[in-house]
């Protein structure tokens, strides 16, 4: 059975993630509030950011920048998706 959640990104009930994809308290927040579809959109956006900005995901500074972008993308209000 699929897990239903209210997706903060799309502002409606949707299928939730199967497991917590990100560590810590932010990961718990994502698991409880972000749908599988919204997470997929973030992964696509993250890939674009990493490639365009030439981020090195082993670099802690680049990791922090991506985390900031992720929070903004998933949890700040948007006019359309």
C-alpha atoms as a PDB file:
ATOM      1  CA  UNK A   1       0.000   0.000   0.000  1.00  0.00           C
ATOM      2  CA  UNK A   2       1.292   3.441  -0.915  1.00  0.00           C
ATOM      3  CA  UNK A   3       1.866   6.012   1.791  1.00  0.00           C
ATOM      4  CA  UNK A   4      -0.245   9.166   1.322  1.00  0.00           C
ATOM      5  CA  UNK A   5       0.948  12.513   2.639  1.00  0.00           C
ATOM      6  CA  UNK A   6       0.008  16.145   2.176  1.00  0.00           C
ATOM      7  CA  UNK A   7       2.779  17.400  -0.099  1.00  0.00           C
ATOM      8  CA  UNK A   8       4.017  20.849   0.898  1.00  0.00           C
ATOM      9  CA  UNK A   9       5.504  21.356  -2.589  1.00  0.00           C
ATOM     10  CA  UNK A  10       2.338  20.628  -4.596  1.00  0.00           C
ATOM     11  CA  UNK A  11      -0.129  21.607  -1.828  1.00  0.00           C
ATOM     12  CA  UNK A  12      -2.195  18.417  -2.129  1.00  0.00           C
ATOM     13  CA  UNK A  13      -2.394  14.755  -1.000  1.00  0.00           C
ATOM     14  CA  UNK A  14       0.041  12.589  -2.919  1.00  0.00           C
ATOM     15  CA  UNK A  15       2.127   9.434  -2.671  1.00  0.00           C
ATOM     16  CA  UNK A  16       4.896   9.828  -0.124  1.00  0.00           C
ATOM     17  CA  UNK A  17       8.466   8.622  -0.283  1.00  0.00           C
ATOM     18  CA  UNK A  18       9.080   4.951   0.521  1.00  0.00           C
ATOM     19  CA  UNK A  19      11.889   5.783   2.952  1.00  0.00           C
ATOM     20  CA  UNK A  20      13.807   8.748   4.353  1.00  0.00           C
ATOM     21  CA  UNK A  21      16.147   9.794   1.508  1.00  0.00           C
ATOM     22  CA  UNK A  22      18.058  12.470   3.418  1.00  0.00           C
ATOM     23  CA  UNK A  23      19.653  12.241   6.886  1.00  0.00           C
ATOM     24  CA  UNK A  24      18.753  14.057  10.079  1.00  0.00           C
ATOM     25  CA  UNK A  25      15.847  16.277  11.007  1.00  0.00           C
ATOM     26  CA  UNK A  26      15.644  17.764   7.511  1.00  0.00           C
ATOM     27  CA  UNK A  27      15.335  14.231   6.148  1.00  0.00           C
ATOM     28  CA  UNK A  28      12.452  13.545   8.529  1.00  0.00           C
ATOM     29  CA  UNK A  29      10.737  16.762   7.437  1.00  0.00           C
ATOM     30  CA  UNK A  30      11.143  15.797   3.774  1.00  0.00           C
ATOM     31  CA  UNK A  31       9.835  12.276   4.433  1.00  0.00           C
ATOM     32  CA  UNK A  32       6.731  13.613   6.193  1.00  0.00           C
ATOM     33  CA  UNK A  33       5.967  16.575   3.889  1.00  0.00           C
ATOM     34  CA  UNK A  34       7.365  15.976   0.394  1.00  0.00           C
ATOM     35  CA  UNK A  35       5.846  13.632  -2.187  1.00  0.00           C
ATOM     36  CA  UNK A  36       7.687  11.157  -4.339  1.00  0.00           C
ATOM     37  CA  UNK A  37       6.942  13.344  -7.388  1.00  0.00           C
ATOM     38  CA  UNK A  38       8.273  16.511  -5.707  1.00  0.00           C
ATOM     39  CA  UNK A  39      11.443  14.680  -4.613  1.00  0.00           C
ATOM     40  CA  UNK A  40      11.980  13.551  -8.212  1.00  0.00           C
ATOM     41  CA  UNK A  41      11.656  17.182  -9.366  1.00  0.00           C
ATOM     42  CA  UNK A  42      14.266  18.186  -6.764  1.00  0.00           C
ATOM     43  CA  UNK A  43      16.707  15.484  -7.946  1.00  0.00           C
ATOM     44  CA  UNK A  44      16.394  16.813 -11.499  1.00  0.00           C
ATOM     45  CA  UNK A  45      16.977  20.388 -10.299  1.00  0.00           C
ATOM     46  CA  UNK A  46      19.911  19.278  -8.116  1.00  0.00           C
ATOM     47  CA  UNK A  47      21.576  17.566 -11.081  1.00  0.00           C
ATOM     48  CA  UNK A  48      21.260  20.745 -13.140  1.00  0.00           C
ATOM     49  CA  UNK A  49      22.746  22.855 -10.306  1.00  0.00           C
ATOM     50  CA  UNK A  50      25.670  20.477  -9.766  1.00  0.00           C
ATOM     51  CA  UNK A  51      26.489  20.440 -13.475  1.00  0.00           C
ATOM     52  CA  UNK A  52      26.036  24.168 -14.121  1.00  0.00           C
ATOM     53  CA  UNK A  53      27.921  25.326 -11.035  1.00  0.00           C
ATOM     54  CA  UNK A  54      30.475  22.480 -11.222  1.00  0.00           C
ATOM     55  CA  UNK A  55      29.874  21.597  -7.582  1.00  0.00           C
ATOM     56  CA  UNK A  56      32.020  18.898  -6.004  1.00  0.00           C
ATOM     57  CA  UNK A  57      29.720  16.963  -3.684  1.00  0.00           C
ATOM     58  CA  UNK A  58      32.711  15.828  -1.607  1.00  0.00           C
ATOM     59  CA  UNK A  59      33.350  19.486  -0.727  1.00  0.00           C
ATOM     60  CA  UNK A  60      31.482  20.476   2.483  1.00  0.00           C
ATOM     61  CA  UNK A  61      30.956  24.047   1.212  1.00  0.00           C
ATOM     62  CA  UNK A  62      29.302  22.797  -1.981  1.00  0.00           C
ATOM     63  CA  UNK A  63      27.172  20.393   0.104  1.00  0.00           C
ATOM     64  CA  UNK A  64      25.911  23.323   2.204  1.00  0.00           C
ATOM     65  CA  UNK A  65      25.055  25.311  -0.917  1.00  0.00           C
ATOM     66  CA  UNK A  66      23.072  22.398  -2.369  1.00  0.00           C
ATOM     67  CA  UNK A  67      21.289  21.896   0.969  1.00  0.00           C
ATOM     68  CA  UNK A  68      20.283  25.578   0.970  1.00  0.00           C
ATOM     69  CA  UNK A  69      18.948  25.256  -2.582  1.00  0.00           C
ATOM     70  CA  UNK A  70      17.067  22.081  -1.614  1.00  0.00           C
ATOM     71  CA  UNK A  71      15.316  23.765   1.328  1.00  0.00           C
ATOM     72  CA  UNK A  72      14.371  26.734  -0.827  1.00  0.00           C
ATOM     73  CA  UNK A  73      13.137  24.547  -3.709  1.00  0.00           C
ATOM     74  CA  UNK A  74      11.054  22.162  -1.592  1.00  0.00           C
ATOM     75  CA  UNK A  75       9.677  24.406   1.151  1.00  0.00           C
ATOM     76  CA  UNK A  76       9.362  28.004  -0.049  1.00  0.00           C
ATOM     77  CA  UNK A  77       6.144  29.111  -1.707  1.00  0.00           C
ATOM     78  CA  UNK A  78       6.047  29.015  -5.468  1.00  0.00           C
ATOM     79  CA  UNK A  79       3.541  30.448  -7.910  1.00  0.00           C
ATOM     80  CA  UNK A  80       3.607  27.422 -10.241  1.00  0.00           C
ATOM     81  CA  UNK A  81       5.439  24.121 -10.768  1.00  0.00           C
END
